[in-house]
Protein backbone atom coordinates (compact mmCIF):
# COMPACT_ATOMS: atom_id res chain seq x y z
CA MET A 1 4.11 8.22 6.50
CA ASN A 2 2.35 9.32 3.33
CA GLN A 3 -1.15 10.40 3.12
CA ALA A 4 -2.49 6.99 1.58
CA SER A 5 -0.79 4.95 4.30
CA CYS A 6 -2.23 7.27 6.88
CA LYS A 7 -5.81 6.82 5.39
CA MET A 8 -5.45 3.03 5.34
CA ASN A 9 -4.36 2.98 8.97
CA MET A 10 -7.19 5.05 9.96
CA ARG A 11 -9.70 2.72 8.27
CA GLY A 12 -8.10 -0.23 9.88
CA LEU A 13 -8.42 1.45 13.34
CA LEU A 14 -12.07 2.25 12.70
CA ALA A 15 -12.86 -1.22 11.68
CA GLY A 16 -11.07 -2.52 14.67
CA LEU A 17 -13.01 -0.34 17.00
CA ALA A 18 -16.33 -1.22 15.28
CA MET A 19 -15.53 -5.03 15.86
CA ALA A 20 -14.67 -4.42 19.39
CA VAL A 21 -17.80 -2.57 20.10
CA ALA A 22 -19.81 -5.50 18.49
CA LEU A 23 -18.12 -7.93 20.65
CA VAL A 24 -18.71 -6.27 23.86
CA LYS A 25 -22.37 -5.46 23.47
CA PRO A 26 -24.03 -5.48 27.06
CA ALA A 27 -26.22 -8.39 27.76
CA CYS A 28 -30.01 -7.55 28.19
CA ALA A 29 -30.93 -7.29 31.89
CA LEU A 30 -33.80 -9.41 32.94
CA THR A 31 -37.00 -7.66 34.45
CA THR A 32 -37.74 -8.37 37.82
CA PHE A 33 -41.44 -8.95 38.44
CA TYR A 34 -40.86 -9.89 42.05
CA SER A 35 -38.00 -10.67 44.44
CA ASP A 36 -37.58 -11.00 48.20
CA PHE A 37 -34.16 -12.38 48.13
CA GLY A 38 -31.34 -10.54 49.79
CA PRO A 39 -28.15 -9.39 47.88
CA GLY A 40 -26.76 -12.31 45.77
CA THR A 41 -30.12 -14.30 46.19
CA THR A 42 -29.61 -14.84 49.81
CA TYR A 43 -32.21 -16.22 52.27
CA SER A 44 -32.65 -17.59 55.66
CA THR A 45 -30.57 -20.98 56.07
CA THR A 46 -32.09 -21.83 59.42
CA GLN A 47 -35.88 -21.42 59.14
CA GLY A 48 -38.43 -22.18 56.55
CA TYR A 49 -41.73 -23.83 55.57
CA THR A 50 -41.92 -27.68 55.71
CA VAL A 51 -43.01 -29.09 52.21
CA SER A 52 -43.81 -32.70 52.73
CA GLY A 53 -45.50 -35.74 51.01
CA ALA A 54 -48.27 -37.92 52.28
CA SER A 55 -46.09 -40.71 53.50
CA THR A 56 -43.96 -38.56 55.79
CA PRO A 57 -44.41 -38.06 59.48
CA ASP A 58 -45.93 -34.69 59.12
CA GLY A 59 -48.14 -35.69 56.24
CA TYR A 60 -49.02 -33.92 53.11
CA LEU A 61 -48.12 -30.23 53.52
CA ASP A 62 -47.63 -27.70 50.69
CA TYR A 63 -47.50 -23.86 50.67
CA PHE A 64 -48.78 -20.97 48.25
CA MET A 65 -46.76 -17.71 48.51
CA PRO A 66 -48.36 -14.49 47.16
CA PHE A 67 -46.76 -11.89 44.94
CA THR A 68 -47.73 -8.86 42.88
CA ALA A 69 -46.17 -8.46 39.51
CA ALA A 70 -44.12 -5.25 39.43
CA THR A 71 -44.60 -4.72 35.55
CA SER A 72 -46.25 -6.56 32.61
CA GLY A 73 -44.04 -8.91 30.46
CA ALA A 74 -42.98 -12.46 29.63
CA LEU A 75 -41.89 -14.49 32.70
CA THR A 76 -38.79 -16.58 31.80
CA GLN A 77 -37.20 -17.68 35.08
CA ILE A 78 -38.33 -18.59 38.63
CA ASP A 79 -35.89 -18.90 41.48
CA ILE A 80 -36.76 -20.50 44.77
CA GLY A 81 -35.01 -20.86 48.14
CA LEU A 82 -35.65 -24.45 48.42
CA THR A 83 -33.51 -26.91 50.35
CA TYR A 84 -33.60 -30.55 51.00
CA GLY A 85 -34.41 -32.41 54.05
CA GLY A 86 -35.04 -35.94 53.34
CA GLY A 87 -36.97 -38.42 51.05
CA SER A 88 -37.03 -38.25 47.46
CA ASN A 89 -36.27 -34.68 47.19
CA ASP A 90 -38.98 -34.20 44.42
CA VAL A 91 -41.43 -31.32 44.20
CA THR A 92 -43.78 -29.80 41.83
CA VAL A 93 -43.83 -25.95 41.48
CA TYR A 94 -47.11 -24.17 40.24
CA LEU A 95 -47.96 -20.76 39.18
CA LEU A 96 -51.52 -19.72 39.93
CA SER A 97 -53.83 -16.71 39.43
CA ASP A 98 -55.62 -15.05 42.17
CA ALA A 99 -59.34 -14.90 43.11
CA SER A 100 -60.30 -12.43 45.83
CA GLY A 101 -57.07 -12.73 47.73
CA LEU A 102 -56.73 -16.41 47.57
CA PRO A 103 -54.90 -18.93 45.08
CA TYR A 104 -57.12 -20.22 42.33
CA LEU A 105 -56.71 -23.83 40.87
CA PRO A 106 -56.19 -25.09 38.26
CA SER A 107 -52.66 -23.58 37.96
CA ILE A 108 -51.53 -21.41 34.99
CA ILE A 109 -48.48 -23.63 34.54
CA ASN A 110 -46.63 -26.31 36.56
CA PHE A 111 -43.02 -27.74 36.57
CA SER A 112 -42.18 -31.17 37.76
CA PRO A 113 -39.95 -32.77 38.82
CA VAL A 114 -37.88 -30.00 40.53
CA PHE A 115 -35.08 -30.92 43.07
CA ALA A 116 -33.48 -28.92 45.86
CA MET A 117 -29.74 -28.38 45.33
CA ALA A 118 -28.55 -27.68 48.96
CA SER A 119 -29.43 -29.36 52.30
CA PHE A 120 -31.56 -27.54 55.00
CA GLN A 121 -29.33 -25.44 57.36
CA SER A 122 -26.34 -25.34 54.99
CA THR A 123 -24.71 -21.99 54.21
CA SER A 124 -24.61 -22.33 50.41
CA ASN A 125 -27.69 -19.98 49.61
CA SER A 126 -27.96 -21.97 46.28
CA VAL A 127 -31.35 -21.47 44.64
CA VAL A 128 -33.56 -23.71 42.55
CA THR A 129 -33.88 -22.19 38.97
CA ILE A 130 -36.65 -23.11 36.77
CA ASP A 131 -36.90 -21.93 33.13
CA VAL A 132 -40.33 -20.92 32.01
CA PRO A 133 -41.59 -21.02 28.35
CA GLY A 134 -42.89 -17.29 28.06
CA ILE A 135 -45.78 -17.02 30.39
CA ASN A 136 -47.05 -13.56 30.40
CA LEU A 137 -47.68 -11.69 33.56
CA VAL A 138 -49.85 -8.45 34.01
CA GLY A 139 -48.37 -5.62 35.99
CA GLY A 140 -50.17 -4.84 39.31
CA ARG A 141 -51.94 -8.24 39.30
CA LYS A 142 -51.66 -10.67 42.15
CA TYR A 143 -50.44 -14.31 41.75
CA TRP A 144 -49.40 -17.26 43.76
CA LEU A 145 -46.30 -19.63 43.72
CA GLU A 146 -46.94 -23.04 45.06
CA VAL A 147 -44.43 -25.75 46.19
CA GLU A 148 -45.82 -29.36 46.50
CA GLY A 149 -43.82 -32.43 47.55
CA ASP A 150 -44.16 -35.90 46.28
CA GLU A 151 -45.12 -38.85 48.42
CA SER A 152 -41.82 -39.15 50.48
CA THR A 153 -40.40 -35.72 50.09
CA ILE A 154 -39.40 -33.51 53.10
CA ASP A 155 -38.09 -30.12 51.63
CA TYR A 156 -38.11 -26.67 53.00
CA TRP A 157 -39.05 -23.45 51.45
CA ASN A 158 -36.69 -21.18 53.29
CA ASP A 159 -37.80 -17.78 54.55
CA ASN A 160 -36.71 -14.52 53.03
CA VAL A 161 -34.32 -12.23 54.82
CA GLU A 162 -35.66 -8.95 53.62
CA GLY A 163 -38.69 -8.64 55.92
CA ALA A 164 -41.25 -9.60 53.28
CA THR A 165 -44.32 -10.67 55.10
CA GLY A 166 -48.00 -11.38 53.99
CA THR A 167 -50.72 -13.89 54.00
CA TYR A 168 -49.83 -17.25 52.63
CA ALA A 169 -51.99 -20.26 52.04
CA TYR A 170 -51.42 -24.00 52.64
CA LEU A 171 -53.00 -27.41 52.31
CA TYR A 172 -52.29 -29.86 55.22
CA LEU A 173 -53.43 -33.40 55.69
CA GLY A 174 -52.26 -34.33 59.21
CA PHE A 175 -53.72 -34.67 62.68
CA SER A 176 -55.81 -31.48 63.53
CA LEU A 177 -58.76 -30.44 61.22
CA SER A 178 -59.43 -26.83 60.66
CA SER A 179 -61.75 -24.85 58.38
CA GLU A 180 -59.08 -22.29 57.62
CA PHE A 181 -56.06 -22.67 55.35
CA THR A 182 -54.14 -19.31 55.46
CA GLY A 183 -51.62 -17.81 57.82
CA SER A 184 -49.66 -14.52 58.19
CA GLY A 185 -45.98 -14.07 58.61
CA THR A 186 -42.61 -14.11 56.73
CA LEU A 187 -42.74 -15.20 53.13
CA GLY A 188 -40.75 -17.86 51.53
CA ALA A 189 -37.78 -16.70 49.41
CA PHE A 190 -38.24 -16.61 45.72
CA ASP A 191 -38.11 -14.38 42.52
CA LEU A 192 -39.64 -14.19 39.08
CA LEU A 193 -37.61 -12.70 36.27
CA GLY A 194 -38.26 -12.12 32.55
CA THR A 195 -38.46 -9.67 29.84
CA GLY A 196 -40.77 -6.60 29.71
CA PRO A 197 -42.66 -4.63 29.32
CA THR A 198 -44.17 -6.21 26.38
CA PRO A 199 -47.56 -6.14 24.39
CA LEU A 200 -49.68 -8.73 26.12
CA PRO A 201 -52.34 -10.91 24.72
CA SER A 202 -55.90 -10.80 26.45
CA ALA A 203 -55.69 -11.33 30.26
CA ILE A 204 -56.06 -14.76 31.85
CA PRO A 205 -59.72 -15.17 32.69
CA LEU A 206 -60.04 -15.00 36.50
CA PRO A 207 -63.00 -16.21 38.71
CA ALA A 208 -64.95 -13.64 40.59
CA THR A 209 -66.02 -15.51 43.77
CA LEU A 210 -64.58 -17.49 46.62
CA PRO A 211 -67.01 -20.47 46.21
CA LEU A 212 -65.05 -21.36 42.98
CA ILE A 213 -61.91 -21.53 44.97
CA ALA A 214 -63.53 -24.00 47.49
CA THR A 215 -64.62 -26.01 44.55
CA SER A 216 -61.20 -26.20 43.06
CA LEU A 217 -59.67 -27.28 46.27
CA GLY A 218 -62.27 -29.75 47.10
CA ALA A 219 -61.58 -31.51 43.75
CA LEU A 220 -58.15 -32.18 44.78
CA GLY A 221 -59.51 -34.07 47.77
CA LEU A 222 -57.34 -32.20 50.32
CA LEU A 223 -58.27 -31.00 53.65
CA ARG A 224 -57.41 -27.49 54.88
CA TRP A 225 -55.58 -26.82 58.07
CA ARG A 226 -54.69 -23.96 60.23
CA LYS A 227 -51.41 -25.17 61.83
CA LYS A 228 -48.45 -23.38 60.56
CA HIS A 229 -45.45 -25.76 60.43
CA LYS A 230 -42.06 -23.98 60.65
CA ALA A 231 -38.58 -25.68 60.61
CA LYS A 232 -36.17 -24.15 63.08
CA ALA A 233 -32.36 -24.66 63.47
CA LEU A 234 -31.61 -27.45 65.92
CA PRO A 235 -30.21 -26.46 69.26
CA ALA A 236 -26.44 -26.81 69.48
């Protein structure tokens, strides 16, 4: 092979390598702001929190789960371990800010309708995925994720299997009135993903006192209850 042919072959080889590198660029990994899923987005398939509408036997019941953003950035995806129990299978998901350790209404953003993909107590571990249009989160700040069922829905926010616990909040219109609307225990399974860290605009204004929370919740016309409703596997 002469020198000219060798140079041409070398140029062709370099061009081919450059094209191959361009085609196999690694995809950008998503930033995890929070996750309590097990490996492969697994969660408990036998236990969870009942999310139900006003016309169901349990009455209106929805839950708020807390999380602290691990870093600042743009939220682009929410995944929830939500399963179907009965009714219309139609829920609304809300992202809320925090005020003195409790959820603050109105929400930052909400998504509706959202539908559970798997039935409660199935073994699929499928998750509900919501695309978020670039909501900025601030690292170290506490937020809340809420799931609310429509009139006839009975769904379940399944427990996490990673041992994540904390104080959650709920709204319940049922049979036993209580002045409290918080409980402590295993949290529902969910994650929040996106890109970051990124330069952020001015922080979302937050209220400073608990009376504002009471006003917001009162405006919804909902009663607050203490009873914790947990869905458990049926005996064999």
